[in-house]
Amino acid sequence: MIDYKQTKAPKTTITRDLNELTEKVGNVYETVAIIGKRSNQISAALKKELDSKLQDFSIPQDSIEETFENKEQIEISRSYEQLPKATLIATQEFIDDELIYRSGNKDEVLK
């Protein structure tokens, strides 16, 4: 599993040069599709990881009103909230050539 807490991705949105992003693939739509698919993968992985960590704190309750605050649970949630968004992580991985993807029009693997 990749440690997303050590990523070089910016925490806020920055302006990117579209021409630089599309150089590798040659098509803006394929570039967006690649980054979008990787972003969905990252988002799902982060959600699964967070759910598994928060599962330790879940207590079966009779009603929704009976909630209590657990400091450890709050800290875990905050640490995930402070991570860069999945799209920013995916874009940084694409720029750093850390993604391997296949083109639907070609039989070769692009990197």
PDB file of N, CA and C in Angstrom:
ATOM      1  N   MET A   1       0.836  -1.184   0.000  1.00  0.00           N
ATOM      2  CA  MET A   1       0.000   0.000   0.000  1.00  0.00           C
ATOM      3  C   MET A   1       0.881   1.247   0.000  1.00  0.00           C
ATOM      4  N   ILE A   2       0.481   2.231  -0.736  1.00  0.00           N
ATOM      5  CA  ILE A   2       1.229   3.477  -0.848  1.00  0.00           C
ATOM      6  C   ILE A   2       0.919   4.356   0.349  1.00  0.00           C
ATOM      7  N   ASP A   3       1.943   4.995   0.863  1.00  0.00           N
ATOM      8  CA  ASP A   3       1.757   5.901   1.988  1.00  0.00           C
ATOM      9  C   ASP A   3       1.438   7.291   1.444  1.00  0.00           C
ATOM     10  N   TYR A   4       0.171   7.644   1.455  1.00  0.00           N
ATOM     11  CA  TYR A   4      -0.255   8.922   0.895  1.00  0.00           C
ATOM     12  C   TYR A   4       0.108  10.097   1.792  1.00  0.00           C
ATOM     13  N   LYS A   5       0.511   9.818   3.022  1.00  0.00           N
ATOM     14  CA  LYS A   5       0.905  10.889   3.928  1.00  0.00           C
ATOM     15  C   LYS A   5       2.274  11.444   3.565  1.00  0.00           C
ATOM     16  N   GLN A   6       3.053  10.695   2.779  1.00  0.00           N
ATOM     17  CA  GLN A   6       4.390  11.116   2.368  1.00  0.00           C
ATOM     18  C   GLN A   6       4.428  11.655   0.940  1.00  0.00           C
ATOM     19  N   THR A   7       3.291  11.922   0.349  1.00  0.00           N
ATOM     20  CA  THR A   7       3.225  12.369  -1.034  1.00  0.00           C
ATOM     21  C   THR A   7       3.759  13.793  -1.194  1.00  0.00           C
ATOM     22  N   LYS A   8       4.247  14.081  -2.394  1.00  0.00           N
ATOM     23  CA  LYS A   8       4.736  15.419  -2.710  1.00  0.00           C
ATOM     24  C   LYS A   8       3.635  16.299  -3.290  1.00  0.00           C
ATOM     25  N   ALA A   9       2.440  15.777  -3.371  1.00  0.00           N
ATOM     26  CA  ALA A   9       1.326  16.514  -3.961  1.00  0.00           C
ATOM     27  C   ALA A   9       0.991  17.734  -3.114  1.00  0.00           C
ATOM     28  N   PRO A  10       0.651  18.842  -3.770  1.00  0.00           N
ATOM     29  CA  PRO A  10       0.271  20.044  -3.011  1.00  0.00           C
ATOM     30  C   PRO A  10      -1.047  19.829  -2.282  1.00  0.00           C
ATOM     31  N   LYS A  11      -1.222  20.519  -1.180  1.00  0.00           N
ATOM     32  CA  LYS A  11      -2.449  20.376  -0.396  1.00  0.00           C
ATOM     33  C   LYS A  11      -3.575  21.256  -0.943  1.00  0.00           C
ATOM     34  N   THR A  12      -3.216  22.227  -1.753  1.00  0.00           N
ATOM     35  CA  THR A  12      -4.220  23.088  -2.365  1.00  0.00           C
ATOM     36  C   THR A  12      -4.098  23.000  -3.886  1.00  0.00           C
ATOM     37  N   THR A  13      -5.136  23.398  -4.560  1.00  0.00           N
ATOM     38  CA  THR A  13      -5.156  23.344  -6.012  1.00  0.00           C
ATOM     39  C   THR A  13      -4.213  24.388  -6.580  1.00  0.00           C
ATOM     40  N   ILE A  14      -3.434  23.972  -7.579  1.00  0.00           N
ATOM     41  CA  ILE A  14      -2.550  24.906  -8.266  1.00  0.00           C
ATOM     42  C   ILE A  14      -2.828  24.837  -9.764  1.00  0.00           C
ATOM     43  N   THR A  15      -2.437  25.875 -10.472  1.00  0.00           N
ATOM     44  CA  THR A  15      -2.640  25.924 -11.907  1.00  0.00           C
ATOM     45  C   THR A  15      -1.572  25.091 -12.598  1.00  0.00           C
ATOM     46  N   ARG A  16      -1.990  24.244 -13.509  1.00  0.00           N
ATOM     47  CA  ARG A  16      -1.066  23.386 -14.269  1.00  0.00           C
ATOM     48  C   ARG A  16      -1.100  23.797 -15.738  1.00  0.00           C
ATOM     49  N   ASP A  17       0.023  23.616 -16.402  1.00  0.00           N
ATOM     50  CA  ASP A  17       0.098  23.857 -17.835  1.00  0.00           C
ATOM     51  C   ASP A  17      -0.470  22.640 -18.556  1.00  0.00           C
ATOM     52  N   LEU A  18      -1.566  22.810 -19.225  1.00  0.00           N
ATOM     53  CA  LEU A  18      -2.250  21.715 -19.891  1.00  0.00           C
ATOM     54  C   LEU A  18      -1.380  21.082 -20.974  1.00  0.00           C
ATOM     55  N   ASN A  19      -0.567  21.882 -21.639  1.00  0.00           N
ATOM     56  CA  ASN A  19       0.308  21.348 -22.680  1.00  0.00           C
ATOM     57  C   ASN A  19       1.346  20.390 -22.101  1.00  0.00           C
ATOM     58  N   GLU A  20       1.867  20.703 -20.921  1.00  0.00           N
ATOM     59  CA  GLU A  20       2.832  19.813 -20.277  1.00  0.00           C
ATOM     60  C   GLU A  20       2.170  18.502 -19.854  1.00  0.00           C
ATOM     61  N   LEU A  21       0.945  18.582 -19.357  1.00  0.00           N
ATOM     62  CA  LEU A  21       0.242  17.378 -18.924  1.00  0.00           C
ATOM     63  C   LEU A  21      -0.079  16.453 -20.092  1.00  0.00           C
ATOM     64  N   THR A  22      -0.387  17.012 -21.242  1.00  0.00           N
ATOM     65  CA  THR A  22      -0.803  16.189 -22.376  1.00  0.00           C
ATOM     66  C   THR A  22       0.364  15.730 -23.245  1.00  0.00           C
ATOM     67  N   GLU A  23       1.589  16.145 -22.958  1.00  0.00           N
ATOM     68  CA  GLU A  23       2.740  15.744 -23.769  1.00  0.00           C
ATOM     69  C   GLU A  23       2.917  14.231 -23.809  1.00  0.00           C
ATOM     70  N   LYS A  24       2.782  13.566 -22.694  1.00  0.00           N
ATOM     71  CA  LYS A  24       3.048  12.130 -22.596  1.00  0.00           C
ATOM     72  C   LYS A  24       2.052  11.303 -23.391  1.00  0.00           C
ATOM     73  N   VAL A  25       0.790  11.702 -23.336  1.00  0.00           N
ATOM     74  CA  VAL A  25      -0.277  10.920 -23.962  1.00  0.00           C
ATOM     75  C   VAL A  25      -0.634  11.489 -25.327  1.00  0.00           C
ATOM     76  N   GLY A  26      -0.595  12.796 -25.449  1.00  0.00           N
ATOM     77  CA  GLY A  26      -0.915  13.437 -26.713  1.00  0.00           C
ATOM     78  C   GLY A  26      -2.371  13.819 -26.870  1.00  0.00           C
ATOM     79  N   ASN A  27      -3.172  13.518 -25.866  1.00  0.00           N
ATOM     80  CA  ASN A  27      -4.601  13.791 -25.957  1.00  0.00           C
ATOM     81  C   ASN A  27      -5.088  14.233 -24.582  1.00  0.00           C
ATOM     82  N   VAL A  28      -5.729  15.388 -24.526  1.00  0.00           N
ATOM     83  CA  VAL A  28      -6.181  15.937 -23.254  1.00  0.00           C
ATOM     84  C   VAL A  28      -7.242  15.037 -22.606  1.00  0.00           C
ATOM     85  N   TYR A  29      -8.092  14.432 -23.418  1.00  0.00           N
ATOM     86  CA  TYR A  29      -9.168  13.601 -22.876  1.00  0.00           C
ATOM     87  C   TYR A  29      -8.625  12.317 -22.251  1.00  0.00           C
ATOM     88  N   GLU A  30      -7.625  11.714 -22.902  1.00  0.00           N
ATOM     89  CA  GLU A  30      -7.003  10.523 -22.329  1.00  0.00           C
ATOM     90  C   GLU A  30      -6.259  10.873 -21.043  1.00  0.00           C
ATOM     91  N   THR A  31      -5.605  12.015 -21.029  1.00  0.00           N
ATOM     92  CA  THR A  31      -4.890  12.457 -19.833  1.00  0.00           C
ATOM     93  C   THR A  31      -5.847  12.620 -18.666  1.00  0.00           C
ATOM     94  N   VAL A  32      -6.966  13.272 -18.904  1.00  0.00           N
ATOM     95  CA  VAL A  32      -7.970  13.480 -17.858  1.00  0.00           C
ATOM     96  C   VAL A  32      -8.557  12.141 -17.412  1.00  0.00           C
ATOM     97  N   ALA A  33      -8.781  11.232 -18.351  1.00  0.00           N
ATOM     98  CA  ALA A  33      -9.330   9.917 -18.007  1.00  0.00           C
ATOM     99  C   ALA A  33      -8.348   9.125 -17.144  1.00  0.00           C
ATOM    100  N   ILE A  34      -7.072   9.184 -17.483  1.00  0.00           N
ATOM    101  CA  ILE A  34      -6.046   8.471 -16.714  1.00  0.00           C
ATOM    102  C   ILE A  34      -5.974   9.015 -15.293  1.00  0.00           C
ATOM    103  N   ILE A  35      -5.899  10.333 -15.180  1.00  0.00           N
ATOM    104  CA  ILE A  35      -5.821  10.956 -13.853  1.00  0.00           C
ATOM    105  C   ILE A  35      -7.105  10.700 -13.074  1.00  0.00           C
ATOM    106  N   GLY A  36      -8.244  10.759 -13.748  1.00  0.00           N
ATOM    107  CA  GLY A  36      -9.530  10.509 -13.084  1.00  0.00           C
ATOM    108  C   GLY A  36      -9.653   9.094 -12.555  1.00  0.00           C
ATOM    109  N   LYS A  37      -9.222   8.114 -13.353  1.00  0.00           N
ATOM    110  CA  LYS A  37      -9.296   6.720 -12.899  1.00  0.00           C
ATOM    111  C   LYS A  37      -8.369   6.482 -11.715  1.00  0.00           C
ATOM    112  N   ARG A  38      -7.170   7.050 -11.780  1.00  0.00           N
ATOM    113  CA  ARG A  38      -6.233   6.886 -10.656  1.00  0.00           C
ATOM    114  C   ARG A  38      -6.774   7.593  -9.415  1.00  0.00           C
ATOM    115  N   SER A  39      -7.390   8.743  -9.610  1.00  0.00           N
ATOM    116  CA  SER A  39      -7.981   9.472  -8.492  1.00  0.00           C
ATOM    117  C   SER A  39      -9.060   8.644  -7.810  1.00  0.00           C
ATOM    118  N   ASN A  40      -9.884   7.959  -8.589  1.00  0.00           N
ATOM    119  CA  ASN A  40     -10.923   7.088  -8.015  1.00  0.00           C
ATOM    120  C   ASN A  40     -10.297   5.946  -7.231  1.00  0.00           C
ATOM    121  N   GLN A  41      -9.199   5.374  -7.743  1.00  0.00           N
ATOM    122  CA  GLN A  41      -8.508   4.299  -7.036  1.00  0.00           C
ATOM    123  C   GLN A  41      -7.969   4.794  -5.697  1.00  0.00           C
ATOM    124  N   ILE A  42      -7.343   5.968  -5.717  1.00  0.00           N
ATOM    125  CA  ILE A  42      -6.771   6.538  -4.493  1.00  0.00           C
ATOM    126  C   ILE A  42      -7.872   6.836  -3.492  1.00  0.00           C
ATOM    127  N   SER A  43      -8.945   7.440  -3.961  1.00  0.00           N
ATOM    128  CA  SER A  43     -10.065   7.776  -3.087  1.00  0.00           C
ATOM    129  C   SER A  43     -10.649   6.532  -2.428  1.00  0.00           C
ATOM    130  N   ALA A  44     -10.819   5.472  -3.200  1.00  0.00           N
ATOM    131  CA  ALA A  44     -11.364   4.227  -2.652  1.00  0.00           C
ATOM    132  C   ALA A  44     -10.401   3.617  -1.629  1.00  0.00           C
ATOM    133  N   ALA A  45      -9.104   3.669  -1.924  1.00  0.00           N
ATOM    134  CA  ALA A  45      -8.112   3.113  -0.996  1.00  0.00           C
ATOM    135  C   ALA A  45      -8.085   3.898   0.309  1.00  0.00           C
ATOM    136  N   LEU A  46      -8.142   5.224   0.214  1.00  0.00           N
ATOM    137  CA  LEU A  46      -8.148   6.056   1.421  1.00  0.00           C
ATOM    138  C   LEU A  46      -9.406   5.823   2.244  1.00  0.00           C
ATOM    139  N   LYS A  47     -10.543   5.703   1.567  1.00  0.00           N
ATOM    140  CA  LYS A  47     -11.803   5.451   2.280  1.00  0.00           C
ATOM    141  C   LYS A  47     -11.762   4.109   3.000  1.00  0.00           C
ATOM    142  N   LYS A  48     -11.265   3.089   2.314  1.00  0.00           N
ATOM    143  CA  LYS A  48     -11.169   1.761   2.918  1.00  0.00           C
ATOM    144  C   LYS A  48     -10.235   1.778   4.129  1.00  0.00           C
ATOM    145  N   GLU A  49      -9.104   2.460   3.988  1.00  0.00           N
ATOM    146  CA  GLU A  49      -8.139   2.557   5.093  1.00  0.00           C
ATOM    147  C   GLU A  49      -8.735   3.303   6.282  1.00  0.00           C
ATOM    148  N   LEU A  50      -9.405   4.421   6.014  1.00  0.00           N
ATOM    149  CA  LEU A  50     -10.025   5.203   7.086  1.00  0.00           C
ATOM    150  C   LEU A  50     -11.138   4.411   7.761  1.00  0.00           C
ATOM    151  N   ASP A  51     -11.970   3.748   6.967  1.00  0.00           N
ATOM    152  CA  ASP A  51     -13.047   2.942   7.551  1.00  0.00           C
ATOM    153  C   ASP A  51     -12.513   1.842   8.448  1.00  0.00           C
ATOM    154  N   SER A  52     -11.416   1.207   8.025  1.00  0.00           N
ATOM    155  CA  SER A  52     -10.854   0.127   8.850  1.00  0.00           C
ATOM    156  C   SER A  52     -10.291   0.667  10.158  1.00  0.00           C
ATOM    157  N   LYS A  53      -9.707   1.861  10.126  1.00  0.00           N
ATOM    158  CA  LYS A  53      -9.182   2.456  11.358  1.00  0.00           C
ATOM    159  C   LYS A  53     -10.301   2.914  12.284  1.00  0.00           C
ATOM    160  N   LEU A  54     -11.364   3.445  11.710  1.00  0.00           N
ATOM    161  CA  LEU A  54     -12.484   3.924  12.524  1.00  0.00           C
ATOM    162  C   LEU A  54     -13.370   2.784  13.011  1.00  0.00           C
ATOM    163  N   GLN A  55     -13.273   1.637  12.371  1.00  0.00           N
ATOM    164  CA  GLN A  55     -14.056   0.478  12.785  1.00  0.00           C
ATOM    165  C   GLN A  55     -13.715   0.076  14.218  1.00  0.00           C
ATOM    166  N   ASP A  56     -12.478   0.300  14.634  1.00  0.00           N
ATOM    167  CA  ASP A  56     -12.060  -0.030  15.997  1.00  0.00           C
ATOM    168  C   ASP A  56     -12.837   0.770  17.040  1.00  0.00           C
ATOM    169  N   PHE A  57     -13.326   1.941  16.633  1.00  0.00           N
ATOM    170  CA  PHE A  57     -14.016   2.816  17.577  1.00  0.00           C
ATOM    171  C   PHE A  57     -15.529   2.652  17.557  1.00  0.00           C
ATOM    172  N   SER A  58     -16.041   1.893  16.611  1.00  0.00           N
ATOM    173  CA  SER A  58     -17.494   1.790  16.500  1.00  0.00           C
ATOM    174  C   SER A  58     -18.058   0.939  17.628  1.00  0.00           C
ATOM    175  N   ILE A  59     -19.105   1.456  18.192  1.00  0.00           N
ATOM    176  CA  ILE A  59     -19.807   0.782  19.281  1.00  0.00           C
ATOM    177  C   ILE A  59     -21.276   0.720  18.880  1.00  0.00           C
ATOM    178  N   PRO A  60     -21.856  -0.453  18.908  1.00  0.00           N
ATOM    179  CA  PRO A  60     -23.284  -0.533  18.573  1.00  0.00           C
ATOM    180  C   PRO A  60     -24.104   0.331  19.544  1.00  0.00           C
ATOM    181  N   GLN A  61     -24.899   1.203  18.981  1.00  0.00           N
ATOM    182  CA  GLN A  61     -25.690   2.112  19.805  1.00  0.00           C
ATOM    183  C   GLN A  61     -27.164   1.950  19.485  1.00  0.00           C
ATOM    184  N   ASP A  62     -27.969   2.252  20.481  1.00  0.00           N
ATOM    185  CA  ASP A  62     -29.409   2.110  20.306  1.00  0.00           C
ATOM    186  C   ASP A  62     -30.006   3.247  19.483  1.00  0.00           C
ATOM    187  N   SER A  63     -29.446   4.440  19.624  1.00  0.00           N
ATOM    188  CA  SER A  63     -29.996   5.562  18.866  1.00  0.00           C
ATOM    189  C   SER A  63     -28.870   6.464  18.371  1.00  0.00           C
ATOM    190  N   ILE A  64     -29.210   7.257  17.411  1.00  0.00           N
ATOM    191  CA  ILE A  64     -28.235   8.158  16.807  1.00  0.00           C
ATOM    192  C   ILE A  64     -27.838   9.267  17.778  1.00  0.00           C
ATOM    193  N   GLU A  65     -28.732   9.643  18.672  1.00  0.00           N
ATOM    194  CA  GLU A  65     -28.453  10.730  19.605  1.00  0.00           C
ATOM    195  C   GLU A  65     -27.352  10.369  20.599  1.00  0.00           C
ATOM    196  N   GLU A  66     -27.108   9.096  20.786  1.00  0.00           N
ATOM    197  CA  GLU A  66     -26.118   8.661  21.766  1.00  0.00           C
ATOM    198  C   GLU A  66     -24.730   8.593  21.145  1.00  0.00           C
ATOM    199  N   THR A  67     -24.197   9.736  20.801  1.00  0.00           N
ATOM    200  CA  THR A  67     -22.846   9.777  20.257  1.00  0.00           C
ATOM    201  C   THR A  67     -21.916  10.391  21.289  1.00  0.00           C
ATOM    202  N   PHE A  68     -20.703   9.935  21.279  1.00  0.00           N
ATOM    203  CA  PHE A  68     -19.716  10.505  22.176  1.00  0.00           C
ATOM    204  C   PHE A  68     -18.448  10.770  21.384  1.00  0.00           C
ATOM    205  N   GLU A  69     -17.646  11.649  21.899  1.00  0.00           N
ATOM    206  CA  GLU A  69     -16.432  12.026  21.203  1.00  0.00           C
ATOM    207  C   GLU A  69     -15.253  11.228  21.739  1.00  0.00           C
ATOM    208  N   ASN A  70     -14.494  10.703  20.844  1.00  0.00           N
ATOM    209  CA  ASN A  70     -13.287   9.990  21.180  1.00  0.00           C
ATOM    210  C   ASN A  70     -12.129  10.770  20.567  1.00  0.00           C
ATOM    211  N   LYS A  71     -11.187  11.195  21.377  1.00  0.00           N
ATOM    212  CA  LYS A  71     -10.104  12.043  20.895  1.00  0.00           C
ATOM    213  C   LYS A  71      -9.254  11.339  19.850  1.00  0.00           C
ATOM    214  N   GLU A  72      -9.012  10.054  20.015  1.00  0.00           N
ATOM    215  CA  GLU A  72      -8.219   9.314  19.032  1.00  0.00           C
ATOM    216  C   GLU A  72      -8.930   9.258  17.686  1.00  0.00           C
ATOM    217  N   GLN A  73     -10.221   9.051  17.734  1.00  0.00           N
ATOM    218  CA  GLN A  73     -11.016   8.997  16.512  1.00  0.00           C
ATOM    219  C   GLN A  73     -10.992  10.349  15.799  1.00  0.00           C
ATOM    220  N   ILE A  74     -11.080  11.408  16.562  1.00  0.00           N
ATOM    221  CA  ILE A  74     -11.047  12.755  15.986  1.00  0.00           C
ATOM    222  C   ILE A  74      -9.690  13.028  15.351  1.00  0.00           C
ATOM    223  N   GLU A  75      -8.617  12.611  15.996  1.00  0.00           N
ATOM    224  CA  GLU A  75      -7.273  12.823  15.450  1.00  0.00           C
ATOM    225  C   GLU A  75      -7.068  12.050  14.154  1.00  0.00           C
ATOM    226  N   ILE A  76      -7.569  10.820  14.095  1.00  0.00           N
ATOM    227  CA  ILE A  76      -7.461  10.029  12.866  1.00  0.00           C
ATOM    228  C   ILE A  76      -8.222  10.722  11.737  1.00  0.00           C
ATOM    229  N   SER A  77      -9.417  11.173  12.026  1.00  0.00           N
ATOM    230  CA  SER A  77     -10.222  11.862  11.013  1.00  0.00           C
ATOM    231  C   SER A  77      -9.535  13.133  10.543  1.00  0.00           C
ATOM    232  N   ARG A  78      -8.969  13.890  11.441  1.00  0.00           N
ATOM    233  CA  ARG A  78      -8.272  15.124  11.075  1.00  0.00           C
ATOM    234  C   ARG A  78      -7.056  14.845  10.202  1.00  0.00           C
ATOM    235  N   SER A  79      -6.330  13.782  10.522  1.00  0.00           N
ATOM    236  CA  SER A  79      -5.142  13.479   9.718  1.00  0.00           C
ATOM    237  C   SER A  79      -5.531  13.153   8.277  1.00  0.00           C
ATOM    238  N   TYR A  80      -6.667  12.485   8.077  1.00  0.00           N
ATOM    239  CA  TYR A  80      -7.116  12.193   6.719  1.00  0.00           C
ATOM    240  C   TYR A  80      -7.680  13.430   6.036  1.00  0.00           C
ATOM    241  N   GLU A  81      -8.281  14.326   6.793  1.00  0.00           N
ATOM    242  CA  GLU A  81      -8.800  15.555   6.206  1.00  0.00           C
ATOM    243  C   GLU A  81      -7.677  16.458   5.719  1.00  0.00           C
ATOM    244  N   GLN A  82      -6.505  16.365   6.336  1.00  0.00           N
ATOM    245  CA  GLN A  82      -5.382  17.222   5.977  1.00  0.00           C
ATOM    246  C   GLN A  82      -4.585  16.698   4.785  1.00  0.00           C
ATOM    247  N   LEU A  83      -4.871  15.488   4.341  1.00  0.00           N
ATOM    248  CA  LEU A  83      -4.191  14.944   3.166  1.00  0.00           C
ATOM    249  C   LEU A  83      -4.628  15.705   1.917  1.00  0.00           C
ATOM    250  N   PRO A  84      -3.768  15.747   0.907  1.00  0.00           N
ATOM    251  CA  PRO A  84      -4.202  16.345  -0.365  1.00  0.00           C
ATOM    252  C   PRO A  84      -5.357  15.543  -0.963  1.00  0.00           C
ATOM    253  N   LYS A  85      -6.162  16.186  -1.753  1.00  0.00           N
ATOM    254  CA  LYS A  85      -7.282  15.508  -2.407  1.00  0.00           C
ATOM    255  C   LYS A  85      -6.748  14.442  -3.366  1.00  0.00           C
ATOM    256  N   ALA A  86      -7.559  13.445  -3.615  1.00  0.00           N
ATOM    257  CA  ALA A  86      -7.149  12.322  -4.464  1.00  0.00           C
ATOM    258  C   ALA A  86      -6.768  12.784  -5.873  1.00  0.00           C
ATOM    259  N   THR A  87      -7.455  13.782  -6.393  1.00  0.00           N
ATOM    260  CA  THR A  87      -7.121  14.274  -7.735  1.00  0.00           C
ATOM    261  C   THR A  87      -5.743  14.929  -7.758  1.00  0.00           C
ATOM    262  N   LEU A  88      -5.383  15.612  -6.681  1.00  0.00           N
ATOM    263  CA  LEU A  88      -4.063  16.239  -6.619  1.00  0.00           C
ATOM    264  C   LEU A  88      -2.962  15.191  -6.506  1.00  0.00           C
ATOM    265  N   ILE A  89      -3.220  14.137  -5.746  1.00  0.00           N
ATOM    266  CA  ILE A  89      -2.240  13.054  -5.620  1.00  0.00           C
ATOM    267  C   ILE A  89      -2.075  12.353  -6.970  1.00  0.00           C
ATOM    268  N   ALA A  90      -3.189  12.074  -7.648  1.00  0.00           N
ATOM    269  CA  ALA A  90      -3.142  11.396  -8.945  1.00  0.00           C
ATOM    270  C   ALA A  90      -2.421  12.256  -9.989  1.00  0.00           C
ATOM    271  N   THR A  91      -2.674  13.539  -9.976  1.00  0.00           N
ATOM    272  CA  THR A  91      -2.010  14.436 -10.924  1.00  0.00           C
ATOM    273  C   THR A  91      -0.510  14.463 -10.666  1.00  0.00           C
ATOM    274  N   GLN A  92      -0.111  14.518  -9.405  1.00  0.00           N
ATOM    275  CA  GLN A  92       1.313  14.517  -9.071  1.00  0.00           C
ATOM    276  C   GLN A  92       1.971  13.205  -9.483  1.00  0.00           C
ATOM    277  N   GLU A  93       1.286  12.087  -9.281  1.00  0.00           N
ATOM    278  CA  GLU A  93       1.816  10.790  -9.714  1.00  0.00           C
ATOM    279  C   GLU A  93       1.976  10.758 -11.235  1.00  0.00           C
ATOM    280  N   PHE A  94       1.034  11.337 -11.954  1.00  0.00           N
ATOM    281  CA  PHE A  94       1.104  11.389 -13.414  1.00  0.00           C
ATOM    282  C   PHE A  94       2.293  12.226 -13.856  1.00  0.00           C
ATOM    283  N   ILE A  95       2.489  13.364 -13.228  1.00  0.00           N
ATOM    284  CA  ILE A  95       3.605  14.251 -13.577  1.00  0.00           C
ATOM    285  C   ILE A  95       4.946  13.593 -13.269  1.00  0.00           C
ATOM    286  N   ASP A  96       5.013  12.871 -12.160  1.00  0.00           N
ATOM    287  CA  ASP A  96       6.264  12.225 -11.737  1.00  0.00           C
ATOM    288  C   ASP A  96       6.504  10.880 -12.420  1.00  0.00           C
ATOM    289  N   ASP A  97       5.709  10.525 -13.408  1.00  0.00           N
ATOM    290  CA  ASP A  97       5.826   9.251 -14.141  1.00  0.00           C
ATOM    291  C   ASP A  97       5.725   8.041 -13.227  1.00  0.00           C
ATOM    292  N   GLU A  98       4.864   8.098 -12.245  1.00  0.00           N
ATOM    293  CA  GLU A  98       4.668   6.978 -11.331  1.00  0.00           C
ATOM    294  C   GLU A  98       3.468   6.119 -11.724  1.00  0.00           C
ATOM    295  N   LEU A  99       2.789   6.478 -12.802  1.00  0.00           N
ATOM    296  CA  LEU A  99       1.617   5.725 -13.249  1.00  0.00           C
ATOM    297  C   LEU A  99       1.959   4.891 -14.474  1.00  0.00           C
ATOM    298  N   ILE A 100       1.440   3.690 -14.496  1.00  0.00           N
ATOM    299  CA  ILE A 100       1.534   2.844 -15.681  1.00  0.00           C
ATOM    300  C   ILE A 100       0.110   2.660 -16.178  1.00  0.00           C
ATOM    301  N   TYR A 101      -0.115   2.936 -17.431  1.00  0.00           N
ATOM    302  CA  TYR A 101      -1.461   2.868 -17.977  1.00  0.00           C
ATOM    303  C   TYR A 101      -1.401   2.332 -19.400  1.00  0.00           C
ATOM    304  N   ARG A 102      -2.502   1.806 -19.847  1.00  0.00           N
ATOM    305  CA  ARG A 102      -2.603   1.260 -21.200  1.00  0.00           C
ATOM    306  C   ARG A 102      -3.544   2.134 -22.014  1.00  0.00           C
ATOM    307  N   SER A 103      -3.174   2.306 -23.255  1.00  0.00           N
ATOM    308  CA  SER A 103      -4.027   3.050 -24.160  1.00  0.00           C
ATOM    309  C   SER A 103      -4.979   2.084 -24.851  1.00  0.00           C
ATOM    310  N   GLY A 104      -6.220   2.469 -25.022  1.00  0.00           N
ATOM    311  CA  GLY A 104      -7.196   1.612 -25.679  1.00  0.00           C
ATOM    312  C   GLY A 104      -6.928   1.458 -27.165  1.00  0.00           C
ATOM    313  N   ASN A 105      -6.216   2.407 -27.759  1.00  0.00           N
ATOM    314  CA  ASN A 105      -5.937   2.368 -29.183  1.00  0.00           C
ATOM    315  C   ASN A 105      -4.664   1.617 -29.530  1.00  0.00           C
ATOM    316  N   LYS A 106      -3.828   1.358 -28.539  1.00  0.00           N
ATOM    317  CA  LYS A 106      -2.524   0.745 -28.795  1.00  0.00           C
ATOM    318  C   LYS A 106      -2.364  -0.473 -27.911  1.00  0.00           C
ATOM    319  N   ASP A 107      -1.477  -1.352 -28.301  1.00  0.00           N
ATOM    320  CA  ASP A 107      -1.199  -2.533 -27.518  1.00  0.00           C
ATOM    321  C   ASP A 107      -0.046  -2.316 -26.551  1.00  0.00           C
ATOM    322  N   GLU A 108       0.573  -1.191 -26.613  1.00  0.00           N
ATOM    323  CA  GLU A 108       1.740  -0.949 -25.769  1.00  0.00           C
ATOM    324  C   GLU A 108       1.354  -0.309 -24.439  1.00  0.00           C
ATOM    325  N   VAL A 109       2.209  -0.472 -23.484  1.00  0.00           N
ATOM    326  CA  VAL A 109       2.016   0.144 -22.180  1.00  0.00           C
ATOM    327  C   VAL A 109       2.711   1.489 -22.198  1.00  0.00           C
ATOM    328  N   LEU A 110       2.009   2.528 -21.837  1.00  0.00           N
ATOM    329  CA  LEU A 110       2.565   3.875 -21.816  1.00  0.00           C
ATOM    330  C   LEU A 110       3.033   4.199 -20.414  1.00  0.00           C
ATOM    331  N   LYS A 111       4.095   4.936 -20.309  1.00  0.00           N
ATOM    332  CA  LYS A 111       4.547   5.363 -19.003  1.00  0.00           C
ATOM    333  C   LYS A 111       5.040   6.771 -19.061  1.00  0.00           C
TER     334      LYS A 111
END
